[in-house]
């Protein structure tokens, strides 16, 4: 999870840097609200005692962070670079990978057998 937070930090910094070079955007207030939410979630997640994916509070918070990052990317679509947007994609992919690694293999096999019946 530490790597996801580093990626999210880099994403936020990239968006903030891009915003310095332009005037107000159409959705400027929404963008800045979601960007602030991202920064607050990053701080909150860092304050949680358990940094493992098994912690449901951590999983929920990271999911909300990635959703907020997606909104930031949408609102800043006119100014962010491909490299900054790529940070969002990396965070999403890493989170999905970590979640898939936590699912017990026996559960996924029994669930697929149950669904095919």
PDB file of N, CA and C in Angstrom:
ATOM      1  N   UNK A   1       0.814  -1.197   0.000  1.00  0.00           N
ATOM      2  CA  UNK A   1       0.000   0.000   0.000  1.00  0.00           C
ATOM      3  C   UNK A   1       0.860   1.264   0.000  1.00  0.00           C
ATOM      4  N   UNK A   2       2.052   1.140   0.524  1.00  0.00           N
ATOM      5  CA  UNK A   2       2.949   2.288   0.555  1.00  0.00           C
ATOM      6  C   UNK A   2       3.252   2.788  -0.852  1.00  0.00           C
ATOM      7  N   UNK A   3       3.398   1.847  -1.780  1.00  0.00           N
ATOM      8  CA  UNK A   3       3.691   2.231  -3.158  1.00  0.00           C
ATOM      9  C   UNK A   3       2.506   2.957  -3.789  1.00  0.00           C
ATOM     10  N   UNK A   4       1.290   2.526  -3.472  1.00  0.00           N
ATOM     11  CA  UNK A   4       0.100   3.218  -3.998  1.00  0.00           C
ATOM     12  C   UNK A   4       0.064   4.655  -3.484  1.00  0.00           C
ATOM     13  N   UNK A   5       0.408   4.851  -2.216  1.00  0.00           N
ATOM     14  CA  UNK A   5       0.418   6.197  -1.657  1.00  0.00           C
ATOM     15  C   UNK A   5       1.488   7.065  -2.315  1.00  0.00           C
ATOM     16  N   UNK A   6       2.640   6.485  -2.614  1.00  0.00           N
ATOM     17  CA  UNK A   6       3.697   7.233  -3.307  1.00  0.00           C
ATOM     18  C   UNK A   6       3.237   7.627  -4.711  1.00  0.00           C
ATOM     19  N   UNK A   7       2.557   6.712  -5.388  1.00  0.00           N
ATOM     20  CA  UNK A   7       2.035   6.994  -6.724  1.00  0.00           C
ATOM     21  C   UNK A   7       0.975   8.091  -6.644  1.00  0.00           C
ATOM     22  N   UNK A   8       0.097   8.006  -5.656  1.00  0.00           N
ATOM     23  CA  UNK A   8      -0.953   9.015  -5.494  1.00  0.00           C
ATOM     24  C   UNK A   8      -0.350  10.381  -5.202  1.00  0.00           C
ATOM     25  N   UNK A   9       0.690  10.406  -4.372  1.00  0.00           N
ATOM     26  CA  UNK A   9       1.396  11.654  -4.083  1.00  0.00           C
ATOM     27  C   UNK A   9       1.985  12.258  -5.352  1.00  0.00           C
ATOM     28  N   UNK A  10       2.613  11.420  -6.155  1.00  0.00           N
ATOM     29  CA  UNK A  10       3.223  11.876  -7.408  1.00  0.00           C
ATOM     30  C   UNK A  10       2.148  12.394  -8.364  1.00  0.00           C
ATOM     31  N   UNK A  11       1.013  11.709  -8.423  1.00  0.00           N
ATOM     32  CA  UNK A  11      -0.114  12.128  -9.265  1.00  0.00           C
ATOM     33  C   UNK A  11      -0.609  13.510  -8.840  1.00  0.00           C
ATOM     34  N   UNK A  12      -0.851  13.678  -7.541  1.00  0.00           N
ATOM     35  CA  UNK A  12      -1.344  14.966  -7.028  1.00  0.00           C
ATOM     36  C   UNK A  12      -0.345  16.088  -7.312  1.00  0.00           C
ATOM     37  N   UNK A  13       0.930  15.812  -7.099  1.00  0.00           N
ATOM     38  CA  UNK A  13       1.958  16.817  -7.363  1.00  0.00           C
ATOM     39  C   UNK A  13       1.997  17.187  -8.845  1.00  0.00           C
ATOM     40  N   UNK A  14       1.823  16.200  -9.713  1.00  0.00           N
ATOM     41  CA  UNK A  14       1.814  16.459 -11.156  1.00  0.00           C
ATOM     42  C   UNK A  14       0.638  17.325 -11.573  1.00  0.00           C
ATOM     43  N   UNK A  15      -0.526  17.049 -10.999  1.00  0.00           N
ATOM     44  CA  UNK A  15      -1.711  17.853 -11.306  1.00  0.00           C
ATOM     45  C   UNK A  15      -1.527  19.268 -10.768  1.00  0.00           C
ATOM     46  N   UNK A  16      -1.056  19.385  -9.536  1.00  0.00           N
ATOM     47  CA  UNK A  16      -0.842  20.712  -8.946  1.00  0.00           C
ATOM     48  C   UNK A  16       0.161  21.523  -9.766  1.00  0.00           C
ATOM     49  N   UNK A  17       1.197  20.869 -10.246  1.00  0.00           N
ATOM     50  CA  UNK A  17       2.188  21.544 -11.084  1.00  0.00           C
ATOM     51  C   UNK A  17       1.564  22.011 -12.394  1.00  0.00           C
ATOM     52  N   UNK A  18       0.744  21.174 -12.999  1.00  0.00           N
ATOM     53  CA  UNK A  18       0.081  21.549 -14.256  1.00  0.00           C
ATOM     54  C   UNK A  18      -0.885  22.711 -14.046  1.00  0.00           C
ATOM     55  N   UNK A  19      -1.517  22.767 -12.886  1.00  0.00           N
ATOM     56  CA  UNK A  19      -2.477  23.841 -12.603  1.00  0.00           C
ATOM     57  C   UNK A  19      -1.800  25.196 -12.416  1.00  0.00           C
ATOM     58  N   UNK A  20      -0.520  25.194 -12.071  1.00  0.00           N
ATOM     59  CA  UNK A  20       0.203  26.454 -11.868  1.00  0.00           C
ATOM     60  C   UNK A  20       0.397  27.212 -13.185  1.00  0.00           C
ATOM     61  N   UNK A  21       0.392  26.478 -14.290  1.00  0.00           N
ATOM     62  CA  UNK A  21       0.692  27.076 -15.596  1.00  0.00           C
ATOM     63  C   UNK A  21      -0.535  27.537 -16.363  1.00  0.00           C
ATOM     64  N   UNK A  22      -1.714  27.377 -15.806  1.00  0.00           N
ATOM     65  CA  UNK A  22      -2.936  27.742 -16.532  1.00  0.00           C
ATOM     66  C   UNK A  22      -3.834  28.609 -15.654  1.00  0.00           C
ATOM     67  N   UNK A  23      -4.772  29.256 -16.309  1.00  0.00           N
ATOM     68  CA  UNK A  23      -5.773  30.024 -15.580  1.00  0.00           C
ATOM     69  C   UNK A  23      -6.839  29.088 -15.030  1.00  0.00           C
ATOM     70  N   UNK A  24      -7.874  29.650 -14.447  1.00  0.00           N
ATOM     71  CA  UNK A  24      -8.958  28.818 -13.903  1.00  0.00           C
ATOM     72  C   UNK A  24      -9.610  27.952 -14.986  1.00  0.00           C
ATOM     73  N   UNK A  25      -9.882  26.726 -14.640  1.00  0.00           N
ATOM     74  CA  UNK A  25     -10.546  25.800 -15.556  1.00  0.00           C
ATOM     75  C   UNK A  25     -12.054  25.862 -15.360  1.00  0.00           C
ATOM     76  N   UNK A  26     -12.766  25.253 -16.272  1.00  0.00           N
ATOM     77  CA  UNK A  26     -14.229  25.240 -16.191  1.00  0.00           C
ATOM     78  C   UNK A  26     -14.711  24.619 -14.876  1.00  0.00           C
ATOM     79  N   UNK A  27     -14.112  23.510 -14.497  1.00  0.00           N
ATOM     80  CA  UNK A  27     -14.504  22.796 -13.270  1.00  0.00           C
ATOM     81  C   UNK A  27     -13.469  22.995 -12.170  1.00  0.00           C
ATOM     82  N   UNK A  28     -12.917  24.190 -12.072  1.00  0.00           N
ATOM     83  CA  UNK A  28     -11.814  24.460 -11.152  1.00  0.00           C
ATOM     84  C   UNK A  28     -12.167  24.148  -9.699  1.00  0.00           C
ATOM     85  N   UNK A  29     -13.342  24.554  -9.254  1.00  0.00           N
ATOM     86  CA  UNK A  29     -13.727  24.332  -7.853  1.00  0.00           C
ATOM     87  C   UNK A  29     -13.861  22.834  -7.552  1.00  0.00           C
ATOM     88  N   UNK A  30     -14.505  22.101  -8.456  1.00  0.00           N
ATOM     89  CA  UNK A  30     -14.637  20.650  -8.264  1.00  0.00           C
ATOM     90  C   UNK A  30     -13.275  19.971  -8.284  1.00  0.00           C
ATOM     91  N   UNK A  31     -12.415  20.407  -9.188  1.00  0.00           N
ATOM     92  CA  UNK A  31     -11.070  19.838  -9.286  1.00  0.00           C
ATOM     93  C   UNK A  31     -10.297  20.055  -7.989  1.00  0.00           C
ATOM     94  N   UNK A  32     -10.321  21.253  -7.491  1.00  0.00           N
ATOM     95  CA  UNK A  32      -9.562  21.550  -6.271  1.00  0.00           C
ATOM     96  C   UNK A  32     -10.152  20.844  -5.044  1.00  0.00           C
ATOM     97  N   UNK A  33     -11.479  20.664  -5.035  1.00  0.00           N
ATOM     98  CA  UNK A  33     -12.116  19.916  -3.944  1.00  0.00           C
ATOM     99  C   UNK A  33     -11.662  18.459  -3.953  1.00  0.00           C
ATOM    100  N   UNK A  34     -11.678  17.834  -5.122  1.00  0.00           N
ATOM    101  CA  UNK A  34     -11.254  16.427  -5.232  1.00  0.00           C
ATOM    102  C   UNK A  34      -9.757  16.274  -4.978  1.00  0.00           C
ATOM    103  N   UNK A  35      -8.980  17.257  -5.402  1.00  0.00           N
ATOM    104  CA  UNK A  35      -7.546  17.215  -5.149  1.00  0.00           C
ATOM    105  C   UNK A  35      -7.275  17.302  -3.648  1.00  0.00           C
ATOM    106  N   UNK A  36      -8.016  18.156  -2.960  1.00  0.00           N
ATOM    107  CA  UNK A  36      -7.903  18.248  -1.506  1.00  0.00           C
ATOM    108  C   UNK A  36      -8.323  16.953  -0.832  1.00  0.00           C
ATOM    109  N   UNK A  37      -9.380  16.322  -1.367  1.00  0.00           N
ATOM    110  CA  UNK A  37      -9.823  15.030  -0.835  1.00  0.00           C
ATOM    111  C   UNK A  37      -8.720  13.989  -0.992  1.00  0.00           C
ATOM    112  N   UNK A  38      -8.063  13.981  -2.141  1.00  0.00           N
ATOM    113  CA  UNK A  38      -6.955  13.039  -2.359  1.00  0.00           C
ATOM    114  C   UNK A  38      -5.857  13.247  -1.319  1.00  0.00           C
ATOM    115  N   UNK A  39      -5.475  14.490  -1.116  1.00  0.00           N
ATOM    116  CA  UNK A  39      -4.420  14.790  -0.143  1.00  0.00           C
ATOM    117  C   UNK A  39      -4.836  14.370   1.272  1.00  0.00           C
ATOM    118  N   UNK A  40      -6.097  14.626   1.627  1.00  0.00           N
ATOM    119  CA  UNK A  40      -6.589  14.223   2.951  1.00  0.00           C
ATOM    120  C   UNK A  40      -6.617  12.707   3.104  1.00  0.00           C
ATOM    121  N   UNK A  41      -7.046  12.001   2.058  1.00  0.00           N
ATOM    122  CA  UNK A  41      -7.086  10.537   2.113  1.00  0.00           C
ATOM    123  C   UNK A  41      -5.680   9.946   2.217  1.00  0.00           C
ATOM    124  N   UNK A  42      -4.734  10.534   1.508  1.00  0.00           N
ATOM    125  CA  UNK A  42      -3.352  10.055   1.598  1.00  0.00           C
ATOM    126  C   UNK A  42      -2.862  10.188   3.036  1.00  0.00           C
ATOM    127  N   UNK A  43      -3.114  11.328   3.654  1.00  0.00           N
ATOM    128  CA  UNK A  43      -2.714  11.522   5.051  1.00  0.00           C
ATOM    129  C   UNK A  43      -3.425  10.581   5.996  1.00  0.00           C
ATOM    130  N   UNK A  44      -4.715  10.364   5.752  1.00  0.00           N
ATOM    131  CA  UNK A  44      -5.491   9.458   6.603  1.00  0.00           C
ATOM    132  C   UNK A  44      -4.985   8.027   6.493  1.00  0.00           C
ATOM    133  N   UNK A  45      -4.739   7.576   5.270  1.00  0.00           N
ATOM    134  CA  UNK A  45      -4.272   6.199   5.063  1.00  0.00           C
ATOM    135  C   UNK A  45      -2.906   5.998   5.726  1.00  0.00           C
ATOM    136  N   UNK A  46      -2.061   7.001   5.638  1.00  0.00           N
ATOM    137  CA  UNK A  46      -0.743   6.904   6.283  1.00  0.00           C
ATOM    138  C   UNK A  46      -0.862   6.817   7.799  1.00  0.00           C
ATOM    139  N   UNK A  47      -1.942   7.360   8.350  1.00  0.00           N
ATOM    140  CA  UNK A  47      -2.112   7.340   9.807  1.00  0.00           C
ATOM    141  C   UNK A  47      -2.697   6.023  10.322  1.00  0.00           C
ATOM    142  N   UNK A  48      -3.196   5.177   9.425  1.00  0.00           N
ATOM    143  CA  UNK A  48      -3.766   3.902   9.854  1.00  0.00           C
ATOM    144  C   UNK A  48      -2.660   2.974  10.352  1.00  0.00           C
ATOM    145  N   UNK A  49      -2.921   2.238  11.438  1.00  0.00           N
ATOM    146  CA  UNK A  49      -1.873   1.395  12.014  1.00  0.00           C
ATOM    147  C   UNK A  49      -1.509   0.179  11.161  1.00  0.00           C
ATOM    148  N   UNK A  50      -2.481  -0.405  10.483  1.00  0.00           N
ATOM    149  CA  UNK A  50      -2.224  -1.619   9.713  1.00  0.00           C
ATOM    150  C   UNK A  50      -2.156  -1.270   8.241  1.00  0.00           C
ATOM    151  N   UNK A  51      -1.025  -1.486   7.622  1.00  0.00           N
ATOM    152  CA  UNK A  51      -0.851  -1.130   6.217  1.00  0.00           C
ATOM    153  C   UNK A  51      -1.126  -2.299   5.273  1.00  0.00           C
ATOM    154  N   UNK A  52      -1.749  -3.355   5.749  1.00  0.00           N
ATOM    155  CA  UNK A  52      -2.007  -4.506   4.899  1.00  0.00           C
ATOM    156  C   UNK A  52      -3.356  -4.447   4.209  1.00  0.00           C
ATOM    157  N   UNK A  53      -3.436  -5.146   3.085  1.00  0.00           N
ATOM    158  CA  UNK A  53      -4.670  -5.179   2.298  1.00  0.00           C
ATOM    159  C   UNK A  53      -5.786  -5.915   3.042  1.00  0.00           C
ATOM    160  N   UNK A  54      -5.445  -6.700   4.037  1.00  0.00           N
ATOM    161  CA  UNK A  54      -6.455  -7.436   4.792  1.00  0.00           C
ATOM    162  C   UNK A  54      -7.312  -6.510   5.661  1.00  0.00           C
ATOM    163  N   UNK A  55      -6.854  -5.309   5.915  1.00  0.00           N
ATOM    164  CA  UNK A  55      -7.599  -4.345   6.720  1.00  0.00           C
ATOM    165  C   UNK A  55      -8.719  -3.728   5.875  1.00  0.00           C
ATOM    166  N   UNK A  56      -9.996  -3.982   6.230  1.00  0.00           N
ATOM    167  CA  UNK A  56     -11.101  -3.466   5.413  1.00  0.00           C
ATOM    168  C   UNK A  56     -11.178  -1.939   5.387  1.00  0.00           C
ATOM    169  N   UNK A  57     -10.793  -1.288   6.465  1.00  0.00           N
ATOM    170  CA  UNK A  57     -10.804   0.175   6.498  1.00  0.00           C
ATOM    171  C   UNK A  57      -9.774   0.735   5.518  1.00  0.00           C
ATOM    172  N   UNK A  58      -8.629   0.094   5.449  1.00  0.00           N
ATOM    173  CA  UNK A  58      -7.585   0.507   4.519  1.00  0.00           C
ATOM    174  C   UNK A  58      -8.034   0.289   3.074  1.00  0.00           C
ATOM    175  N   UNK A  59      -8.605  -0.874   2.804  1.00  0.00           N
ATOM    176  CA  UNK A  59      -9.090  -1.163   1.446  1.00  0.00           C
ATOM    177  C   UNK A  59     -10.121  -0.133   1.004  1.00  0.00           C
ATOM    178  N   UNK A  60     -11.061   0.172   1.881  1.00  0.00           N
ATOM    179  CA  UNK A  60     -12.108   1.141   1.559  1.00  0.00           C
ATOM    180  C   UNK A  60     -11.508   2.527   1.305  1.00  0.00           C
ATOM    181  N   UNK A  61     -10.562   2.920   2.128  1.00  0.00           N
ATOM    182  CA  UNK A  61      -9.939   4.242   1.974  1.00  0.00           C
ATOM    183  C   UNK A  61      -9.140   4.342   0.676  1.00  0.00           C
ATOM    184  N   UNK A  62      -8.407   3.295   0.340  1.00  0.00           N
ATOM    185  CA  UNK A  62      -7.635   3.301  -0.906  1.00  0.00           C
ATOM    186  C   UNK A  62      -8.585   3.311  -2.105  1.00  0.00           C
ATOM    187  N   UNK A  63      -9.677   2.585  -2.014  1.00  0.00           N
ATOM    188  CA  UNK A  63     -10.672   2.599  -3.084  1.00  0.00           C
ATOM    189  C   UNK A  63     -11.232   4.008  -3.279  1.00  0.00           C
ATOM    190  N   UNK A  64     -11.522   4.692  -2.186  1.00  0.00           N
ATOM    191  CA  UNK A  64     -12.017   6.076  -2.271  1.00  0.00           C
ATOM    192  C   UNK A  64     -10.949   7.004  -2.832  1.00  0.00           C
ATOM    193  N   UNK A  65      -9.690   6.773  -2.474  1.00  0.00           N
ATOM    194  CA  UNK A  65      -8.592   7.572  -2.999  1.00  0.00           C
ATOM    195  C   UNK A  65      -8.498   7.422  -4.511  1.00  0.00           C
ATOM    196  N   UNK A  66      -8.569   6.205  -5.000  1.00  0.00           N
ATOM    197  CA  UNK A  66      -8.451   5.975  -6.436  1.00  0.00           C
ATOM    198  C   UNK A  66      -9.654   6.574  -7.171  1.00  0.00           C
ATOM    199  N   UNK A  67     -10.826   6.498  -6.570  1.00  0.00           N
ATOM    200  CA  UNK A  67     -12.000   7.134  -7.176  1.00  0.00           C
ATOM    201  C   UNK A  67     -11.816   8.648  -7.243  1.00  0.00           C
ATOM    202  N   UNK A  68     -11.319   9.250  -6.171  1.00  0.00           N
ATOM    203  CA  UNK A  68     -11.069  10.695  -6.155  1.00  0.00           C
ATOM    204  C   UNK A  68     -10.002  11.066  -7.186  1.00  0.00           C
ATOM    205  N   UNK A  69      -8.974  10.242  -7.321  1.00  0.00           N
ATOM    206  CA  UNK A  69      -7.937  10.494  -8.328  1.00  0.00           C
ATOM    207  C   UNK A  69      -8.523  10.439  -9.739  1.00  0.00           C
ATOM    208  N   UNK A  70      -9.469   9.544  -9.951  1.00  0.00           N
ATOM    209  CA  UNK A  70     -10.120   9.442 -11.257  1.00  0.00           C
ATOM    210  C   UNK A  70     -10.887  10.728 -11.563  1.00  0.00           C
ATOM    211  N   UNK A  71     -11.578  11.264 -10.566  1.00  0.00           N
ATOM    212  CA  UNK A  71     -12.291  12.536 -10.748  1.00  0.00           C
ATOM    213  C   UNK A  71     -11.313  13.673 -11.006  1.00  0.00           C
ATOM    214  N   UNK A  72     -10.198  13.685 -10.304  1.00  0.00           N
ATOM    215  CA  UNK A  72      -9.181  14.719 -10.533  1.00  0.00           C
ATOM    216  C   UNK A  72      -8.688  14.645 -11.976  1.00  0.00           C
ATOM    217  N   UNK A  73      -8.419  13.433 -12.455  1.00  0.00           N
ATOM    218  CA  UNK A  73      -7.964  13.268 -13.839  1.00  0.00           C
ATOM    219  C   UNK A  73      -9.028  13.766 -14.817  1.00  0.00           C
ATOM    220  N   UNK A  74     -10.290  13.504 -14.523  1.00  0.00           N
ATOM    221  CA  UNK A  74     -11.372  13.959 -15.398  1.00  0.00           C
ATOM    222  C   UNK A  74     -11.455  15.484 -15.420  1.00  0.00           C
ATOM    223  N   UNK A  75     -11.451  16.085 -14.237  1.00  0.00           N
ATOM    224  CA  UNK A  75     -11.579  17.543 -14.162  1.00  0.00           C
ATOM    225  C   UNK A  75     -10.360  18.273 -14.720  1.00  0.00           C
ATOM    226  N   UNK A  76      -9.203  17.633 -14.673  1.00  0.00           N
ATOM    227  CA  UNK A  76      -7.977  18.281 -15.151  1.00  0.00           C
ATOM    228  C   UNK A  76      -7.553  17.767 -16.526  1.00  0.00           C
ATOM    229  N   UNK A  77      -8.460  17.158 -17.225  1.00  0.00           N
ATOM    230  CA  UNK A  77      -8.137  16.516 -18.505  1.00  0.00           C
ATOM    231  C   UNK A  77      -7.517  17.468 -19.526  1.00  0.00           C
ATOM    232  N   UNK A  78      -7.794  18.754 -19.390  1.00  0.00           N
ATOM    233  CA  UNK A  78      -7.265  19.733 -20.346  1.00  0.00           C
ATOM    234  C   UNK A  78      -5.801  20.067 -20.081  1.00  0.00           C
ATOM    235  N   UNK A  79      -5.316  19.784 -18.883  1.00  0.00           N
ATOM    236  CA  UNK A  79      -3.965  20.252 -18.532  1.00  0.00           C
ATOM    237  C   UNK A  79      -2.988  19.150 -18.124  1.00  0.00           C
ATOM    238  N   UNK A  80      -3.466  17.974 -17.717  1.00  0.00           N
ATOM    239  CA  UNK A  80      -2.498  16.967 -17.252  1.00  0.00           C
ATOM    240  C   UNK A  80      -1.843  16.261 -18.432  1.00  0.00           C
ATOM    241  N   UNK A  81      -0.629  15.849 -18.192  1.00  0.00           N
ATOM    242  CA  UNK A  81       0.128  15.144 -19.221  1.00  0.00           C
ATOM    243  C   UNK A  81      -0.197  13.646 -19.179  1.00  0.00           C
ATOM    244  N   UNK A  82       0.248  12.979 -20.211  1.00  0.00           N
ATOM    245  CA  UNK A  82       0.084  11.530 -20.277  1.00  0.00           C
ATOM    246  C   UNK A  82       0.808  10.856 -19.106  1.00  0.00           C
ATOM    247  N   UNK A  83       1.996  11.362 -18.758  1.00  0.00           N
ATOM    248  CA  UNK A  83       2.781  10.768 -17.671  1.00  0.00           C
ATOM    249  C   UNK A  83       2.033  10.863 -16.341  1.00  0.00           C
ATOM    250  N   UNK A  84       1.371  11.984 -16.110  1.00  0.00           N
ATOM    251  CA  UNK A  84       0.617  12.149 -14.865  1.00  0.00           C
ATOM    252  C   UNK A  84      -0.588  11.213 -14.863  1.00  0.00           C
ATOM    253  N   UNK A  85      -1.283  11.148 -15.994  1.00  0.00           N
ATOM    254  CA  UNK A  85      -2.440  10.245 -16.086  1.00  0.00           C
ATOM    255  C   UNK A  85      -2.015   8.790 -15.897  1.00  0.00           C
ATOM    256  N   UNK A  86      -0.847   8.468 -16.362  1.00  0.00           N
ATOM    257  CA  UNK A  86      -0.312   7.103 -16.231  1.00  0.00           C
ATOM    258  C   UNK A  86      -0.140   6.710 -14.757  1.00  0.00           C
ATOM    259  N   UNK A  87       0.132   7.676 -13.888  1.00  0.00           N
ATOM    260  CA  UNK A  87       0.237   7.396 -12.456  1.00  0.00           C
ATOM    261  C   UNK A  87      -1.088   6.867 -11.904  1.00  0.00           C
ATOM    262  N   UNK A  88      -2.188   7.436 -12.360  1.00  0.00           N
ATOM    263  CA  UNK A  88      -3.508   6.953 -11.954  1.00  0.00           C
ATOM    264  C   UNK A  88      -3.697   5.503 -12.392  1.00  0.00           C
ATOM    265  N   UNK A  89      -3.337   5.210 -13.620  1.00  0.00           N
ATOM    266  CA  UNK A  89      -3.491   3.845 -14.149  1.00  0.00           C
ATOM    267  C   UNK A  89      -2.630   2.874 -13.343  1.00  0.00           C
ATOM    268  N   UNK A  90      -1.416   3.286 -12.987  1.00  0.00           N
ATOM    269  CA  UNK A  90      -0.533   2.424 -12.181  1.00  0.00           C
ATOM    270  C   UNK A  90      -1.134   2.159 -10.804  1.00  0.00           C
ATOM    271  N   UNK A  91      -1.705   3.179 -10.186  1.00  0.00           N
ATOM    272  CA  UNK A  91      -2.312   3.000  -8.861  1.00  0.00           C
ATOM    273  C   UNK A  91      -3.498   2.044  -8.938  1.00  0.00           C
ATOM    274  N   UNK A  92      -4.336   2.205  -9.946  1.00  0.00           N
ATOM    275  CA  UNK A  92      -5.485   1.308 -10.119  1.00  0.00           C
ATOM    276  C   UNK A  92      -5.030  -0.128 -10.340  1.00  0.00           C
ATOM    277  N   UNK A  93      -4.064  -0.308 -11.205  1.00  0.00           N
ATOM    278  CA  UNK A  93      -3.576  -1.659 -11.513  1.00  0.00           C
ATOM    279  C   UNK A  93      -2.940  -2.313 -10.289  1.00  0.00           C
ATOM    280  N   UNK A  94      -2.154  -1.565  -9.551  1.00  0.00           N
ATOM    281  CA  UNK A  94      -1.500  -2.119  -8.367  1.00  0.00           C
ATOM    282  C   UNK A  94      -2.523  -2.502  -7.305  1.00  0.00           C
ATOM    283  N   UNK A  95      -3.517  -1.655  -7.096  1.00  0.00           N
ATOM    284  CA  UNK A  95      -4.554  -1.958  -6.112  1.00  0.00           C
ATOM    285  C   UNK A  95      -5.327  -3.216  -6.513  1.00  0.00           C
ATOM    286  N   UNK A  96      -5.692  -3.331  -7.779  1.00  0.00           N
ATOM    287  CA  UNK A  96      -6.393  -4.531  -8.252  1.00  0.00           C
ATOM    288  C   UNK A  96      -5.530  -5.777  -8.093  1.00  0.00           C
ATOM    289  N   UNK A  97      -4.243  -5.646  -8.367  1.00  0.00           N
ATOM    290  CA  UNK A  97      -3.330  -6.774  -8.194  1.00  0.00           C
ATOM    291  C   UNK A  97      -3.264  -7.198  -6.734  1.00  0.00           C
ATOM    292  N   UNK A  98      -3.112  -6.229  -5.837  1.00  0.00           N
ATOM    293  CA  UNK A  98      -3.029  -6.552  -4.407  1.00  0.00           C
ATOM    294  C   UNK A  98      -4.317  -7.212  -3.916  1.00  0.00           C
ATOM    295  N   UNK A  99      -5.444  -6.732  -4.398  1.00  0.00           N
ATOM    296  CA  UNK A  99      -6.720  -7.345  -4.006  1.00  0.00           C
ATOM    297  C   UNK A  99      -6.831  -8.771  -4.535  1.00  0.00           C
ATOM    298  N   UNK A 100      -6.424  -8.978  -5.767  1.00  0.00           N
ATOM    299  CA  UNK A 100      -6.531 -10.323  -6.353  1.00  0.00           C
ATOM    300  C   UNK A 100      -5.605 -11.309  -5.646  1.00  0.00           C
ATOM    301  N   UNK A 101      -4.472 -10.837  -5.145  1.00  0.00           N
ATOM    302  CA  UNK A 101      -3.554 -11.706  -4.417  1.00  0.00           C
ATOM    303  C   UNK A 101      -4.112 -12.100  -3.051  1.00  0.00           C
ATOM    304  N   UNK A 102      -5.027 -11.321  -2.501  1.00  0.00           N
ATOM    305  CA  UNK A 102      -5.586 -11.603  -1.177  1.00  0.00           C
ATOM    306  C   UNK A 102      -6.739 -12.606  -1.223  1.00  0.00           C
ATOM    307  N   UNK A 103      -7.319 -12.817  -2.389  1.00  0.00           N
ATOM    308  CA  UNK A 103      -8.428 -13.761  -2.497  1.00  0.00           C
ATOM    309  C   UNK A 103      -7.859 -15.168  -2.410  1.00  0.00           C
ATOM    310  N   UNK A 104      -8.322 -15.951  -1.444  1.00  0.00           N
ATOM    311  CA  UNK A 104      -7.815 -17.322  -1.338  1.00  0.00           C
ATOM    312  C   UNK A 104      -8.142 -18.120  -2.603  1.00  0.00           C
ATOM    313  N   UNK A 105      -7.187 -18.894  -3.050  1.00  0.00           N
ATOM    314  CA  UNK A 105      -7.374 -19.673  -4.282  1.00  0.00           C
ATOM    315  C   UNK A 105      -8.526 -20.665  -4.137  1.00  0.00           C
ATOM    316  N   UNK A 106      -8.706 -21.238  -2.967  1.00  0.00           N
ATOM    317  CA  UNK A 106      -9.791 -22.197  -2.778  1.00  0.00           C
ATOM    318  C   UNK A 106     -11.152 -21.511  -2.894  1.00  0.00           C
ATOM    319  N   UNK A 107     -11.233 -20.248  -2.451  1.00  0.00           N
ATOM    320  CA  UNK A 107     -12.490 -19.503  -2.559  1.00  0.00           C
ATOM    321  C   UNK A 107     -12.836 -19.246  -4.014  1.00  0.00           C
ATOM    322  N   UNK A 108     -11.856 -18.838  -4.815  1.00  0.00           N
ATOM    323  CA  UNK A 108     -12.135 -18.518  -6.213  1.00  0.00           C
ATOM    324  C   UNK A 108     -12.513 -19.769  -6.995  1.00  0.00           C
ATOM    325  N   UNK A 109     -11.915 -20.929  -6.658  1.00  0.00           N
ATOM    326  CA  UNK A 109     -12.253 -22.168  -7.337  1.00  0.00           C
ATOM    327  C   UNK A 109     -13.666 -22.611  -6.947  1.00  0.00           C
ATOM    328  N   UNK A 110     -13.981 -22.582  -5.658  1.00  0.00           N
ATOM    329  CA  UNK A 110     -15.317 -23.006  -5.214  1.00  0.00           C
ATOM    330  C   UNK A 110     -16.382 -22.043  -5.705  1.00  0.00           C
ATOM    331  N   UNK A 111     -16.068 -20.752  -5.811  1.00  0.00           N
ATOM    332  CA  UNK A 111     -17.040 -19.783  -6.305  1.00  0.00           C
ATOM    333  C   UNK A 111     -17.319 -20.010  -7.774  1.00  0.00           C
ATOM    334  N   UNK A 112     -16.281 -20.345  -8.547  1.00  0.00           N
ATOM    335  CA  UNK A 112     -16.498 -20.571  -9.976  1.00  0.00           C
ATOM    336  C   UNK A 112     -17.265 -21.867 -10.206  1.00  0.00           C
ATOM    337  N   UNK A 113     -17.039 -22.871  -9.367  1.00  0.00           N
ATOM    338  CA  UNK A 113     -17.808 -24.114  -9.483  1.00  0.00           C
ATOM    339  C   UNK A 113     -19.270 -23.888  -9.101  1.00  0.00           C
ATOM    340  N   UNK A 114     -19.476 -23.068  -8.101  1.00  0.00           N
ATOM    341  CA  UNK A 114     -20.832 -22.767  -7.656  1.00  0.00           C
ATOM    342  C   UNK A 114     -21.600 -21.997  -8.724  1.00  0.00           C
ATOM    343  N   UNK A 115     -20.932 -21.081  -9.391  1.00  0.00           N
ATOM    344  CA  UNK A 115     -21.585 -20.256 -10.420  1.00  0.00           C
ATOM    345  C   UNK A 115     -21.916 -21.068 -11.664  1.00  0.00           C
ATOM    346  N   UNK A 116     -21.129 -22.090 -11.970  1.00  0.00           N
ATOM    347  CA  UNK A 116     -21.360 -22.857 -13.186  1.00  0.00           C
ATOM    348  C   UNK A 116     -22.446 -23.918 -13.007  1.00  0.00           C
ATOM    349  N   UNK A 117     -22.887 -24.166 -11.777  1.00  0.00           N
ATOM    350  CA  UNK A 117     -23.909 -25.183 -11.525  1.00  0.00           C
ATOM    351  C   UNK A 117     -25.268 -24.726 -11.961  1.00  0.00           C
TER     352      UNK A 117
END
